[in-house]
Protein backbone atom coordinates (compact mmCIF):
# COMPACT_ATOMS: atom_id res chain seq x y z
CA MET A 1 0.69 -48.34 -234.77
CA ASN A 2 3.97 -48.05 -236.83
CA PHE A 3 5.60 -51.33 -235.63
CA LYS A 4 9.09 -50.19 -236.84
CA GLN A 5 9.04 -47.36 -234.79
CA THR A 6 7.03 -48.66 -231.49
CA LEU A 7 10.04 -51.07 -231.41
CA HIS A 8 12.90 -48.45 -231.81
CA ASP A 9 11.40 -47.02 -229.49
CA LYS A 10 10.85 -50.08 -226.69
CA VAL A 11 14.27 -50.96 -227.83
CA LYS A 12 15.70 -47.29 -226.78
CA THR A 13 13.77 -47.25 -223.55
CA THR A 14 15.62 -51.17 -222.62
CA GLU A 15 18.87 -49.55 -223.52
CA ASP A 16 18.37 -46.44 -220.87
CA ILE A 17 17.58 -49.03 -218.22
CA LEU A 18 20.47 -50.94 -218.96
CA LEU A 19 22.60 -47.54 -218.92
CA THR A 20 21.63 -47.14 -214.94
CA TYR A 21 22.88 -50.41 -214.30
CA LEU A 22 25.92 -50.52 -216.07
CA PRO A 23 29.34 -51.45 -213.39
CA LYS A 24 31.67 -48.55 -213.43
CA GLN A 25 35.15 -48.49 -215.01
CA GLU A 26 37.00 -47.80 -212.16
CA GLY A 27 40.28 -49.53 -210.24
CA TYR A 28 41.87 -52.19 -210.62
CA SER A 29 38.47 -54.13 -212.19
CA ALA A 30 38.09 -51.53 -214.64
CA LYS A 31 39.40 -53.19 -217.38
CA VAL A 32 36.84 -56.15 -216.64
CA ALA A 33 34.14 -53.69 -216.57
CA GLU A 34 34.85 -51.64 -219.81
CA ALA A 35 34.57 -55.41 -221.03
CA MET A 36 31.48 -55.93 -219.64
CA ASN A 37 29.79 -52.53 -220.71
CA TYR A 38 31.48 -53.14 -224.21
CA SER A 39 29.48 -56.68 -224.62
CA LEU A 40 26.29 -55.31 -223.26
CA LEU A 41 26.21 -52.33 -225.42
CA ALA A 42 27.22 -54.06 -228.52
CA GLY A 43 23.56 -53.30 -229.95
CA GLY A 44 21.19 -56.13 -230.53
CA LYS A 45 17.13 -56.65 -230.50
CA ARG A 46 16.88 -56.79 -227.04
CA ILE A 47 14.20 -59.06 -227.60
CA ARG A 48 14.05 -60.76 -224.01
CA PRO A 49 13.50 -57.51 -222.30
CA ILE A 50 10.94 -56.14 -224.28
CA LEU A 51 8.81 -59.81 -224.11
CA MET A 52 9.13 -59.45 -220.67
CA GLN A 53 7.54 -56.12 -220.26
CA GLU A 54 5.06 -57.05 -223.08
CA VAL A 55 3.34 -59.76 -221.03
CA PHE A 56 3.86 -57.40 -218.17
CA THR A 57 1.61 -54.92 -219.38
CA LEU A 58 -0.45 -57.48 -220.85
CA PHE A 59 -1.18 -58.95 -217.24
CA GLY A 60 -1.86 -55.53 -215.90
CA GLY A 61 1.37 -54.70 -214.62
CA THR A 62 2.47 -51.05 -214.01
CA ASP A 63 5.17 -50.47 -211.63
CA LYS A 64 8.80 -50.09 -212.48
CA ILE A 65 9.65 -53.35 -210.75
CA ILE A 66 9.98 -55.03 -213.93
CA GLU A 67 13.14 -52.54 -214.94
CA PRO A 68 15.70 -54.08 -212.53
CA PHE A 69 14.62 -57.94 -214.11
CA MET A 70 14.58 -56.19 -217.97
CA ALA A 71 18.32 -55.31 -217.49
CA ALA A 72 19.15 -58.22 -215.30
CA ILE A 73 17.55 -60.80 -218.35
CA GLU A 74 19.46 -58.72 -220.82
CA MET A 75 22.79 -59.06 -218.86
CA ILE A 76 22.15 -62.74 -218.71
CA HIS A 77 21.59 -63.41 -222.65
CA THR A 78 24.87 -61.40 -223.32
CA TYR A 79 26.92 -63.19 -220.74
CA SER A 80 25.83 -66.30 -222.56
CA LEU A 81 26.93 -64.92 -225.90
CA VAL A 82 30.26 -63.50 -224.84
CA HIS A 83 30.99 -67.23 -223.48
CA ASP A 84 29.67 -68.77 -226.65
CA ASP A 85 31.83 -67.03 -229.13
CA LEU A 86 34.64 -68.02 -227.25
CA PRO A 87 37.53 -70.08 -228.63
CA SER A 88 36.96 -73.05 -227.09
CA MET A 89 33.52 -72.71 -227.54
CA ASP A 90 31.72 -71.63 -231.49
CA ASN A 91 35.02 -69.50 -231.94
CA ASP A 92 33.06 -66.59 -233.72
CA LEU A 93 34.90 -63.27 -234.30
CA TYR A 94 31.51 -61.15 -234.92
CA ARG A 95 28.62 -60.72 -233.02
CA ARG A 96 25.61 -58.13 -234.01
CA GLY A 97 28.16 -57.14 -236.71
CA LYS A 98 31.20 -55.84 -234.10
CA LYS A 99 34.24 -57.58 -233.16
CA THR A 100 33.54 -60.08 -230.55
CA THR A 101 34.47 -59.55 -226.80
CA HIS A 102 37.39 -62.23 -226.43
CA ALA A 103 38.70 -60.50 -230.23
CA ILE A 104 38.86 -57.20 -228.29
CA PHE A 105 39.65 -57.67 -224.71
CA GLY A 106 41.24 -61.45 -224.98
CA GLU A 107 39.70 -64.34 -223.95
CA GLY A 108 40.46 -64.50 -220.24
CA MET A 109 38.98 -61.36 -219.81
CA ALA A 110 35.81 -62.38 -222.04
CA VAL A 111 35.60 -65.21 -219.87
CA LEU A 112 35.61 -62.88 -216.66
CA ALA A 113 33.24 -60.63 -218.66
CA GLY A 114 30.64 -63.14 -218.61
CA ASP A 115 31.20 -64.38 -215.52
CA GLY A 116 30.71 -60.54 -214.35
CA LEU A 117 27.41 -60.27 -216.16
CA LEU A 118 25.99 -63.01 -214.60
CA ASN A 119 26.64 -61.81 -211.05
CA LEU A 120 25.78 -58.53 -211.95
CA ALA A 121 22.37 -59.72 -213.06
CA PHE A 122 21.10 -60.77 -209.55
CA GLU A 123 23.04 -58.09 -207.76
CA THR A 124 20.79 -55.70 -210.09
CA ILE A 125 17.53 -57.39 -208.87
CA LEU A 126 18.50 -57.44 -205.47
CA ASP A 127 20.14 -54.01 -205.27
CA SER A 128 16.71 -52.76 -206.09
CA LYS A 129 14.16 -51.22 -204.39
CA MET A 130 10.79 -53.03 -204.30
CA GLU A 131 7.77 -52.74 -201.86
CA PRO A 132 7.81 -55.36 -199.38
CA ASP A 133 4.05 -56.87 -201.16
CA PHE A 134 5.97 -57.55 -203.83
CA TYR A 135 9.05 -59.96 -202.43
CA PRO A 136 6.72 -63.21 -202.94
CA ARG A 137 6.52 -62.36 -206.78
CA CYS A 138 9.91 -61.51 -207.09
CA PHE A 139 11.37 -64.15 -205.44
CA GLN A 140 9.24 -66.34 -207.68
CA ALA A 141 10.38 -64.56 -210.50
CA MET A 142 14.29 -65.06 -209.49
CA GLN A 143 13.50 -68.71 -208.97
CA VAL A 144 12.28 -68.74 -212.50
CA LEU A 145 15.04 -66.71 -213.83
CA ALA A 146 18.02 -68.35 -211.86
CA THR A 147 16.73 -71.98 -213.18
CA LYS A 148 16.27 -71.02 -216.91
CA ALA A 149 19.37 -70.01 -217.16
CA GLY A 150 21.26 -72.82 -215.40
CA VAL A 151 21.95 -76.34 -215.77
CA ARG A 152 18.05 -77.01 -216.32
CA GLY A 153 18.23 -74.72 -218.74
CA MET A 154 20.24 -72.48 -220.93
CA ILE A 155 23.62 -74.11 -219.57
CA GLY A 156 22.07 -77.58 -219.85
CA GLY A 157 21.59 -77.11 -223.72
CA GLN A 158 24.85 -75.66 -224.24
CA THR A 159 26.25 -78.77 -222.57
CA ALA A 160 24.06 -80.86 -225.14
CA ASP A 161 25.25 -79.01 -228.22
CA ILE A 162 28.82 -79.28 -227.36
CA LEU A 163 28.60 -82.86 -226.77
CA ALA A 164 26.66 -82.85 -229.93
CA GLU A 165 29.60 -81.98 -231.87
CA ASN A 166 31.50 -85.37 -230.86
CA LEU A 167 28.72 -87.12 -232.23
CA GLY A 168 28.61 -85.83 -235.78
CA SER A 169 25.50 -87.14 -238.12
CA HIS A 170 24.93 -89.45 -235.00
CA VAL A 171 22.92 -86.42 -233.16
CA THR A 172 19.29 -87.27 -233.14
CA CYS A 173 16.00 -84.85 -233.47
CA GLU A 174 15.54 -85.62 -229.51
CA HIS A 175 19.03 -83.79 -228.81
CA LEU A 176 18.98 -81.28 -231.28
CA LEU A 177 15.71 -80.57 -229.82
CA TYR A 178 17.06 -80.59 -226.16
CA ILE A 179 19.50 -78.28 -226.98
CA HIS A 180 17.11 -75.73 -228.91
CA LYS A 181 14.57 -75.94 -226.09
CA ASN A 182 16.89 -75.08 -223.11
CA LYS A 183 19.85 -73.29 -224.75
CA THR A 184 17.58 -70.71 -226.97
CA ALA A 185 13.87 -70.95 -225.86
CA ALA A 186 14.92 -71.12 -222.24
CA LEU A 187 15.31 -67.32 -221.62
CA MET A 188 12.68 -66.40 -223.77
CA GLU A 189 10.44 -68.78 -221.32
CA ALA A 190 12.30 -66.85 -218.49
CA ALA A 191 11.28 -63.32 -220.22
CA MET A 192 7.67 -64.17 -220.40
CA MET A 193 7.32 -66.20 -217.03
CA VAL A 194 8.72 -63.30 -215.54
CA GLY A 195 6.72 -60.77 -216.86
CA ALA A 196 3.37 -62.59 -216.12
CA ILE A 197 5.01 -63.71 -212.46
CA LEU A 198 5.77 -59.53 -211.44
CA ALA A 199 2.19 -58.57 -213.04
CA GLY A 200 0.15 -61.34 -210.48
CA ALA A 201 -0.82 -63.60 -213.41
CA LYS A 202 -2.26 -66.99 -212.45
CA GLU A 203 -0.14 -69.77 -212.47
CA GLU A 204 -2.19 -71.64 -215.42
CA ALA A 205 -0.85 -68.05 -217.43
CA VAL A 206 2.61 -68.49 -216.19
CA LEU A 207 2.46 -71.93 -217.50
CA ASP A 208 1.16 -71.03 -221.08
CA MET A 209 3.64 -68.12 -221.47
CA GLU A 210 6.26 -70.63 -220.52
CA ARG A 211 4.79 -72.88 -223.17
CA VAL A 212 4.22 -69.90 -226.42
CA ALA A 213 8.05 -69.13 -225.59
CA ARG A 214 9.07 -71.94 -225.81
CA MET A 215 7.23 -72.78 -229.07
CA ILE A 216 8.78 -69.52 -230.70
CA GLY A 217 12.05 -70.14 -228.75
CA ILE A 218 12.69 -73.33 -231.15
CA ALA A 219 11.22 -71.30 -233.97
CA PHE A 220 13.70 -68.61 -233.45
CA GLN A 221 16.67 -71.50 -233.23
CA ILE A 222 15.35 -73.05 -236.70
CA GLN A 223 15.03 -69.96 -238.26
CA ASP A 224 18.71 -68.86 -236.90
CA ASP A 225 19.84 -72.56 -238.08
CA ILE A 226 18.17 -71.41 -241.80
CA LEU A 227 20.17 -68.14 -241.37
CA ASP A 228 22.93 -69.73 -241.01
CA VAL A 229 22.99 -71.25 -244.83
CA THR A 230 21.11 -68.65 -246.26
CA SER A 231 22.21 -65.20 -245.16
CA SER A 232 25.76 -63.33 -245.00
CA LEU A 233 28.01 -61.26 -242.72
CA GLU A 234 27.08 -58.16 -244.03
CA VAL A 235 23.24 -58.82 -243.56
CA LEU A 236 23.11 -61.09 -240.42
CA GLY A 237 25.77 -59.21 -238.56
CA LYS A 238 27.63 -62.50 -237.90
CA GLU A 239 29.96 -65.01 -239.42
CA THR A 240 27.53 -67.76 -241.74
CA GLY A 241 28.51 -70.94 -242.01
CA SER A 242 29.61 -71.54 -238.55
CA ASP A 243 27.83 -74.66 -237.75
CA SER A 244 29.40 -76.59 -240.96
CA LYS A 245 32.68 -75.00 -239.93
CA ASN A 246 31.94 -76.19 -236.28
CA ASN A 247 30.43 -79.78 -237.75
CA LYS A 248 27.58 -79.06 -236.03
CA VAL A 249 24.25 -80.91 -236.73
CA THR A 250 21.21 -78.30 -237.29
CA TYR A 251 17.61 -78.61 -238.06
CA VAL A 252 18.47 -78.03 -241.35
CA THR A 253 20.94 -80.46 -242.15
CA LEU A 254 18.73 -83.17 -240.31
CA HIS A 255 15.72 -82.21 -241.86
CA GLY A 256 16.60 -80.10 -245.07
CA LEU A 257 15.62 -76.45 -245.53
CA ASP A 258 11.73 -76.55 -246.80
CA ALA A 259 10.99 -79.17 -243.58
CA SER A 260 12.73 -76.54 -241.66
CA GLN A 261 10.59 -73.56 -242.81
CA LEU A 262 7.38 -75.22 -242.30
CA GLU A 263 8.39 -76.42 -238.88
CA VAL A 264 9.08 -72.59 -237.98
CA LYS A 265 5.38 -71.94 -239.51
CA ARG A 266 3.88 -74.30 -237.40
CA LEU A 267 5.63 -73.84 -233.98
CA SER A 268 4.90 -69.89 -234.31
CA GLU A 269 1.12 -70.05 -235.30
CA GLU A 270 0.68 -72.79 -232.77
CA GLY A 271 2.46 -70.40 -229.81
CA ILE A 272 0.62 -67.38 -231.38
CA ALA A 273 -2.49 -69.22 -230.67
CA ILE A 274 -2.20 -69.61 -227.46
CA LEU A 275 -1.45 -65.93 -226.82
CA LEU A 276 -4.59 -64.89 -228.65
CA LYS A 277 -6.92 -66.89 -225.72
CA TYR A 278 -5.38 -64.25 -223.22
CA GLN A 279 -5.07 -60.98 -225.41
CA SER A 280 -8.63 -61.52 -226.65
CA LYS A 281 -9.95 -60.92 -222.91
CA THR A 282 -8.29 -57.03 -223.12
CA GLY A 283 -9.03 -56.60 -226.97
CA GLU A 284 -5.57 -56.52 -228.23
CA GLU A 285 -5.58 -59.30 -230.89
CA SER A 286 -3.79 -57.13 -232.79
CA SER A 287 -0.96 -56.28 -230.10
CA PHE A 288 2.49 -55.26 -230.62
CA LEU A 289 3.66 -58.46 -228.64
CA ASN A 290 1.68 -60.60 -231.49
CA GLN A 291 3.77 -58.41 -234.98
CA LEU A 292 7.08 -58.73 -232.60
CA LEU A 293 7.04 -62.57 -232.14
CA GLU A 294 5.79 -63.06 -235.92
CA GLU A 295 8.91 -60.61 -237.02
CA LEU A 296 11.31 -62.35 -234.62
CA ILE A 297 10.53 -65.87 -236.13
CA GLY A 298 10.42 -64.52 -239.65
CA ARG A 299 13.42 -62.09 -239.31
CA GLU A 300 16.43 -62.36 -242.13
CA GLN A 301 18.83 -60.86 -239.90
């Protein structure tokens, strides 16, 4: 298997799915729809929907029921980035190598675009055609998606992140890990759990996918903190040094670069070890999913 070509193909498939659910740019809401579409189509790795589809396949899922959920989680992720980049939050002007939504459309329209994407995510699922037999799975999957994106998940993590800015050097490791677990890992947990749920996996397997995603998500964020120190706008596609500019305490500032890199390695190895337990049953120990997680954590951009 050529990993890079396979990843490219899966990204293309995900973007084709997204195109079928874009809001129409018409009438008095045309401008916000334009901002939503700009945000959603501004590039990106499409990691969360791909993770969802890979776990769905791992547990035997074959139906297209997964597609609206793939679109929905990317909409939720994109809305969080649009809001995260706002002047009142991280105040970033570049995302994925392009101008951020508020830099193009203004702050007010960016807020509305984020709101619109969050609502569109659940509209997309609810408007999809599904067999009645899938209703219990879909309800459970929507519950997970809503919870992981809400105050007990991503929004809770973002809240803790904002509060941390005022604490300066008094931010504890516990506080920081809460931020990473919720602001970053929660949507990855949702992706992998939803994939397992929609495929009909048992509860134990769903919870194991949550554990894998949590470890990978925290490692991903620590790696992001590392790259904010070691990378550049040209490589990363967004401004670096923003954590220092915003007086943010990160895993790197608390533990140093070397310890941060070791923690990324430890978390990734433990997460993949859990995943291997399920892959060994299907003879897929060297699956695309393993390589995706390894590339995700060891990325340089």
